[in-house]
Amino acid sequence: MSPLLGHPFPAFSLQDDQGTTVTAKDFKGHWTVLYAYPKDSTPGCTTEACDFRDNLARVQSLGAQVYGISRDSLKSHQNFIAKQSLPFRLLSDPETALLKALGAFGKKMMYGKEVEGIIRSTFLIDPKGIIRHVWPKVSVKGHVAEVIEVLAGLQKD
């Protein structure tokens, strides 16, 4: 169980793909899905982004918004959004400040070697800014369906 569960989302100030500053206040008033991913335009990250894209109407029908976050530059995010027709915002965290605060950056295994990098993770934040569910070490296949299922279940509570 994540130590973040039930706690307020950490304070942050990052730019999105359009250069607009986004803070934790932007997550208040509605459910927010924030997914951390390693790198724009790589196979797993593209699959995950396109799955969120293809299911965005279902997520929005549950009153939620979606944001992605990685270390990539604004220009990289812009290219990724254009290439994949992504209808949601991507946050740039080049210093990994928020990613580290969320436990989404650190040591991980990649091709049998220990490396430091972004750990694919997803966070579900309620309208009051409280973290209600955490998916650490996400496996891409079926993940978005699971997020939708948990989001729908939490709204019934």
Protein backbone atom coordinates (compact mmCIF):
# COMPACT_ATOMS: atom_id res chain seq x y z
CA MET A 1 0.00 0.00 0.00
CA SER A 2 1.32 3.42 -0.94
CA PRO A 3 2.22 5.83 1.87
CA LEU A 4 0.59 8.55 -0.28
CA LEU A 5 -2.87 7.01 -0.08
CA GLY A 6 -5.33 9.25 1.75
CA HIS A 7 -2.92 12.20 1.79
CA PRO A 8 -3.18 15.51 -0.08
CA PHE A 9 -1.50 15.58 -3.46
CA PRO A 10 1.94 17.25 -3.08
CA ALA A 11 2.26 20.93 -3.95
CA PHE A 12 3.90 21.47 -7.34
CA SER A 13 4.24 23.94 -10.18
CA LEU A 14 5.09 22.52 -13.62
CA GLN A 15 4.54 23.50 -17.22
CA ASP A 16 2.28 21.57 -19.55
CA ASP A 17 2.86 20.99 -23.25
CA GLN A 18 1.59 24.52 -24.05
CA GLY A 19 3.85 26.23 -21.51
CA THR A 20 0.93 26.86 -19.13
CA THR A 21 1.76 26.53 -15.43
CA VAL A 22 -0.17 23.74 -13.72
CA THR A 23 -0.35 23.38 -9.93
CA ALA A 24 -2.10 21.06 -7.47
CA LYS A 25 -4.97 23.60 -7.41
CA ASP A 26 -5.77 22.58 -11.02
CA PHE A 27 -6.59 19.09 -9.71
CA LYS A 28 -9.24 20.33 -7.28
CA GLY A 29 -12.96 20.31 -8.05
CA HIS A 30 -12.95 17.09 -10.08
CA TRP A 31 -11.32 13.69 -10.16
CA THR A 32 -7.87 13.62 -11.76
CA VAL A 33 -5.91 10.74 -13.23
CA LEU A 34 -2.18 11.53 -13.35
CA TYR A 35 -0.06 8.91 -15.05
CA ALA A 36 3.73 8.97 -14.95
CA TYR A 37 5.50 7.43 -17.92
CA PRO A 38 9.17 7.10 -18.91
CA LYS A 39 9.47 8.69 -22.37
CA ASP A 40 7.44 10.23 -25.18
CA SER A 41 7.07 8.20 -28.38
CA THR A 42 8.45 4.92 -27.02
CA PRO A 43 6.37 1.77 -27.63
CA GLY A 44 4.94 1.18 -24.13
CA CYS A 45 4.38 4.88 -23.48
CA THR A 46 2.64 5.33 -26.83
CA THR A 47 0.39 2.33 -26.13
CA GLU A 48 -0.53 3.73 -22.71
CA ALA A 49 -1.15 7.27 -24.00
CA CYS A 50 -3.31 5.99 -26.87
CA ASP A 51 -5.29 3.80 -24.47
CA PHE A 52 -6.04 6.87 -22.33
CA ARG A 53 -6.88 8.77 -25.54
CA ASP A 54 -9.23 6.05 -26.78
CA ASN A 55 -10.99 5.80 -23.41
CA LEU A 56 -11.01 9.49 -22.52
CA ALA A 57 -14.78 9.84 -23.04
CA ARG A 58 -15.36 7.06 -20.48
CA VAL A 59 -12.97 8.71 -18.01
CA GLN A 60 -14.62 12.11 -18.54
CA SER A 61 -18.10 10.59 -18.16
CA LEU A 62 -17.00 9.72 -14.61
CA GLY A 63 -16.08 13.36 -13.98
CA ALA A 64 -12.33 12.92 -14.30
CA GLN A 65 -9.56 14.64 -16.24
CA VAL A 66 -6.32 13.02 -17.41
CA TYR A 67 -2.75 14.32 -17.27
CA GLY A 68 0.45 12.56 -18.25
CA ILE A 69 3.83 13.43 -16.72
CA SER A 70 7.41 12.66 -17.73
CA ARG A 71 10.84 14.35 -17.85
CA ASP A 72 10.44 15.13 -21.54
CA SER A 73 10.67 18.70 -22.83
CA LEU A 74 7.67 20.77 -23.87
CA LYS A 75 8.72 20.38 -27.52
CA SER A 76 8.88 16.59 -27.13
CA HIS A 77 5.42 16.62 -25.53
CA GLN A 78 4.06 18.79 -28.35
CA ASN A 79 5.41 16.38 -30.97
CA PHE A 80 4.02 13.35 -29.10
CA ILE A 81 0.58 14.96 -28.76
CA ALA A 82 0.51 15.92 -32.45
CA LYS A 83 1.68 12.52 -33.66
CA GLN A 84 -0.78 10.54 -31.50
CA SER A 85 -3.68 13.07 -31.43
CA LEU A 86 -3.66 13.12 -27.64
CA PRO A 87 -6.55 15.20 -26.25
CA PHE A 88 -5.10 15.71 -22.76
CA ARG A 89 -2.25 17.68 -21.26
CA LEU A 90 1.27 16.40 -20.63
CA LEU A 91 3.34 17.86 -17.79
CA SER A 92 7.09 18.32 -18.03
CA ASP A 93 9.09 17.54 -14.86
CA PRO A 94 12.71 17.77 -16.07
CA GLU A 95 14.07 18.07 -12.51
CA THR A 96 11.91 15.08 -11.41
CA ALA A 97 10.74 17.01 -8.32
CA LEU A 98 7.09 15.88 -8.46
CA LEU A 99 7.98 12.45 -9.83
CA LYS A 100 10.29 11.86 -6.83
CA ALA A 101 7.68 13.18 -4.36
CA LEU A 102 5.23 10.64 -5.77
CA GLY A 103 7.71 7.76 -5.68
CA ALA A 104 7.55 7.58 -9.47
CA PHE A 105 11.27 8.12 -9.98
CA GLY A 106 14.02 5.89 -8.68
CA LYS A 107 15.80 2.59 -9.15
CA LYS A 108 14.15 0.08 -11.46
CA MET A 109 15.13 -2.92 -13.53
CA MET A 110 15.44 -2.43 -17.28
CA TYR A 111 16.64 -5.21 -19.54
CA GLY A 112 18.11 -7.00 -16.53
CA LYS A 113 20.08 -3.99 -15.28
CA GLU A 114 19.31 -1.67 -12.41
CA VAL A 115 18.86 1.89 -13.68
CA GLU A 116 17.44 5.11 -12.29
CA GLY A 117 14.43 6.49 -14.08
CA ILE A 118 10.70 7.06 -14.14
CA ILE A 119 8.69 4.20 -12.68
CA ARG A 120 5.46 3.87 -14.66
CA SER A 121 2.79 4.76 -12.07
CA THR A 122 -0.73 6.20 -11.95
CA PHE A 123 -2.41 8.30 -9.28
CA LEU A 124 -6.12 8.92 -8.79
CA ILE A 125 -6.85 12.19 -7.00
CA ASP A 126 -10.31 13.09 -5.69
CA PRO A 127 -12.00 16.52 -6.10
CA LYS A 128 -10.63 17.66 -2.73
CA GLY A 129 -7.04 16.94 -3.83
CA ILE A 130 -6.64 13.72 -1.83
CA ILE A 131 -4.85 10.71 -3.38
CA ARG A 132 -7.44 7.91 -3.45
CA HIS A 133 -5.65 5.19 -5.41
CA VAL A 134 -2.07 4.51 -6.52
CA TRP A 135 -0.90 2.05 -9.14
CA PRO A 136 2.87 1.60 -8.68
CA LYS A 137 4.88 -0.22 -11.36
CA VAL A 138 2.08 -0.22 -13.93
CA SER A 139 1.81 -2.85 -16.62
CA VAL A 140 0.39 -1.10 -19.70
CA LYS A 141 -1.96 -3.82 -20.95
CA GLY A 142 -5.41 -3.43 -19.39
CA HIS A 143 -4.30 -0.59 -17.12
CA VAL A 144 -6.71 2.09 -18.38
CA ALA A 145 -9.67 -0.29 -17.98
CA GLU A 146 -8.58 -0.89 -14.38
CA VAL A 147 -8.32 2.87 -13.73
CA ILE A 148 -11.87 3.33 -15.06
CA GLU A 149 -13.16 0.45 -12.91
CA VAL A 150 -11.60 1.86 -9.73
CA LEU A 151 -12.77 5.40 -10.53
CA ALA A 152 -16.35 4.18 -11.07
CA GLY A 153 -16.21 2.18 -7.83
CA LEU A 154 -14.89 5.09 -5.75
CA GLN A 155 -17.65 7.35 -6.99
CA LYS A 156 -20.27 4.91 -5.67
CA ASP A 157 -18.80 5.11 -2.16
